[in-house]
Amino acid sequence: MRIALTSGLARRQVADDLGVGLSTLNPWVNAHRDTDVVSAEDRELARENERLRRAIRIRKEERDIMKKATRLFASRKP
């Protein structure tokens, strides 16, 4: 359960990695979500990791937009 709740991986990926079906993994995770299987510190780290992954994804999208804009302006003839 700790892997599924704290790794930041999609549940589908965790299920595949563990060799179980998603329909098997989901009930396990839901049953143990609020137990002490995962410490409060682990849950906090998982939330922070998710926040950072989201921020990185946004920055990459912004970077890609800037690259496209740079190419567009560089290709213009004066």
C-alpha atoms as a PDB file:
ATOM      1  CA  MET A   1       0.000   0.000   0.000  1.00  0.00           C
ATOM      2  CA  ARG A   2       2.852   2.355   0.775  1.00  0.00           C
ATOM      3  CA  ILE A   3       4.059   2.217  -2.827  1.00  0.00           C
ATOM      4  CA  ALA A   4       0.632   2.993  -4.231  1.00  0.00           C
ATOM      5  CA  LEU A   5       0.010   5.832  -1.793  1.00  0.00           C
ATOM      6  CA  THR A   6       3.397   7.533  -1.734  1.00  0.00           C
ATOM      7  CA  SER A   7       5.293   6.767  -4.939  1.00  0.00           C
ATOM      8  CA  GLY A   8       3.495   9.302  -7.094  1.00  0.00           C
ATOM      9  CA  LEU A   9       3.040   6.638  -9.749  1.00  0.00           C
ATOM     10  CA  ALA A  10      -0.306   6.018 -11.354  1.00  0.00           C
ATOM     11  CA  ARG A  11      -2.179   3.138  -9.756  1.00  0.00           C
ATOM     12  CA  ARG A  12      -2.202   1.352 -13.102  1.00  0.00           C
ATOM     13  CA  GLN A  13       1.623   1.462 -13.128  1.00  0.00           C
ATOM     14  CA  VAL A  14       1.850   0.254  -9.518  1.00  0.00           C
ATOM     15  CA  ALA A  15      -0.562  -2.594 -10.233  1.00  0.00           C
ATOM     16  CA  ASP A  16       1.453  -3.627 -13.301  1.00  0.00           C
ATOM     17  CA  ASP A  17       4.729  -3.422 -11.364  1.00  0.00           C
ATOM     18  CA  LEU A  18       3.318  -5.596  -8.579  1.00  0.00           C
ATOM     19  CA  GLY A  19       1.736  -8.061 -10.991  1.00  0.00           C
ATOM     20  CA  VAL A  20      -1.818  -7.535  -9.747  1.00  0.00           C
ATOM     21  CA  GLY A  21      -4.883  -6.179 -11.437  1.00  0.00           C
ATOM     22  CA  LEU A  22      -6.033  -2.627 -10.909  1.00  0.00           C
ATOM     23  CA  SER A  23      -9.360  -3.992  -9.662  1.00  0.00           C
ATOM     24  CA  THR A  24      -7.391  -5.823  -6.963  1.00  0.00           C
ATOM     25  CA  LEU A  25      -5.120  -2.935  -5.999  1.00  0.00           C
ATOM     26  CA  ASN A  26      -7.825  -0.265  -5.662  1.00  0.00           C
ATOM     27  CA  PRO A  27      -9.755  -1.954  -2.818  1.00  0.00           C
ATOM     28  CA  TRP A  28      -6.502  -2.590  -0.947  1.00  0.00           C
ATOM     29  CA  VAL A  29      -5.466   1.033  -1.238  1.00  0.00           C
ATOM     30  CA  ASN A  30      -8.899   2.311  -0.251  1.00  0.00           C
ATOM     31  CA  ALA A  31      -9.023  -0.009   2.759  1.00  0.00           C
ATOM     32  CA  HIS A  32      -5.615   1.089   4.023  1.00  0.00           C
ATOM     33  CA  ARG A  33      -5.623   4.764   3.042  1.00  0.00           C
ATOM     34  CA  ASP A  34      -6.497   6.004   6.531  1.00  0.00           C
ATOM     35  CA  THR A  35      -4.578   3.403   8.532  1.00  0.00           C
ATOM     36  CA  ASP A  36      -1.071   3.607   9.917  1.00  0.00           C
ATOM     37  CA  VAL A  37       0.335   1.634   6.988  1.00  0.00           C
ATOM     38  CA  VAL A  38       1.466   5.006   5.658  1.00  0.00           C
ATOM     39  CA  SER A  39       2.775   7.486   8.188  1.00  0.00           C
ATOM     40  CA  ALA A  40       1.632  11.097   8.239  1.00  0.00           C
ATOM     41  CA  GLU A  41       5.121  12.094   7.155  1.00  0.00           C
ATOM     42  CA  ASP A  42       4.930   9.790   4.124  1.00  0.00           C
ATOM     43  CA  ARG A  43       1.538  11.208   3.182  1.00  0.00           C
ATOM     44  CA  GLU A  44       2.892  14.743   3.487  1.00  0.00           C
ATOM     45  CA  LEU A  45       5.889  13.856   1.338  1.00  0.00           C
ATOM     46  CA  ALA A  46       3.602  12.301  -1.257  1.00  0.00           C
ATOM     47  CA  ARG A  47       1.502  15.483  -1.383  1.00  0.00           C
ATOM     48  CA  GLU A  48       4.644  17.604  -1.716  1.00  0.00           C
ATOM     49  CA  ASN A  49       5.979  15.346  -4.472  1.00  0.00           C
ATOM     50  CA  GLU A  50       2.709  15.639  -6.355  1.00  0.00           C
ATOM     51  CA  ARG A  51       2.768  19.434  -6.003  1.00  0.00           C
ATOM     52  CA  LEU A  52       6.341  19.553  -7.299  1.00  0.00           C
ATOM     53  CA  ARG A  53       5.562  17.228 -10.215  1.00  0.00           C
ATOM     54  CA  ARG A  54       2.666  19.472 -11.183  1.00  0.00           C
ATOM     55  CA  ALA A  55       4.915  22.563 -10.983  1.00  0.00           C
ATOM     56  CA  ILE A  56       7.570  20.866 -13.120  1.00  0.00           C
ATOM     57  CA  ARG A  57       4.981  19.880 -15.722  1.00  0.00           C
ATOM     58  CA  ILE A  58       3.738  23.475 -15.913  1.00  0.00           C
ATOM     59  CA  ARG A  59       7.306  24.827 -16.256  1.00  0.00           C
ATOM     60  CA  LYS A  60       8.037  22.359 -19.051  1.00  0.00           C
ATOM     61  CA  GLU A  61       4.898  23.470 -20.885  1.00  0.00           C
ATOM     62  CA  GLU A  62       5.920  27.112 -20.454  1.00  0.00           C
ATOM     63  CA  ARG A  63       9.433  26.312 -21.693  1.00  0.00           C
ATOM     64  CA  ASP A  64       8.051  24.570 -24.778  1.00  0.00           C
ATOM     65  CA  ILE A  65       5.851  27.577 -25.562  1.00  0.00           C
ATOM     66  CA  MET A  66       8.834  29.904 -25.222  1.00  0.00           C
ATOM     67  CA  LYS A  67      10.916  27.701 -27.537  1.00  0.00           C
ATOM     68  CA  LYS A  68       8.188  27.825 -30.179  1.00  0.00           C
ATOM     69  CA  ALA A  69       7.870  31.586 -29.833  1.00  0.00           C
ATOM     70  CA  THR A  70      11.641  31.991 -30.137  1.00  0.00           C
ATOM     71  CA  ARG A  71      11.707  29.925 -33.334  1.00  0.00           C
ATOM     72  CA  LEU A  72       8.796  31.923 -34.736  1.00  0.00           C
ATOM     73  CA  PHE A  73      10.439  35.283 -34.082  1.00  0.00           C
ATOM     74  CA  ALA A  74      13.833  34.037 -35.286  1.00  0.00           C
ATOM     75  CA  SER A  75      12.345  32.896 -38.575  1.00  0.00           C
ATOM     76  CA  ARG A  76      10.824  36.303 -39.368  1.00  0.00           C
ATOM     77  CA  LYS A  77      12.712  38.358 -41.895  1.00  0.00           C
ATOM     78  CA  PRO A  78      13.200  42.048 -41.092  1.00  0.00           C
END
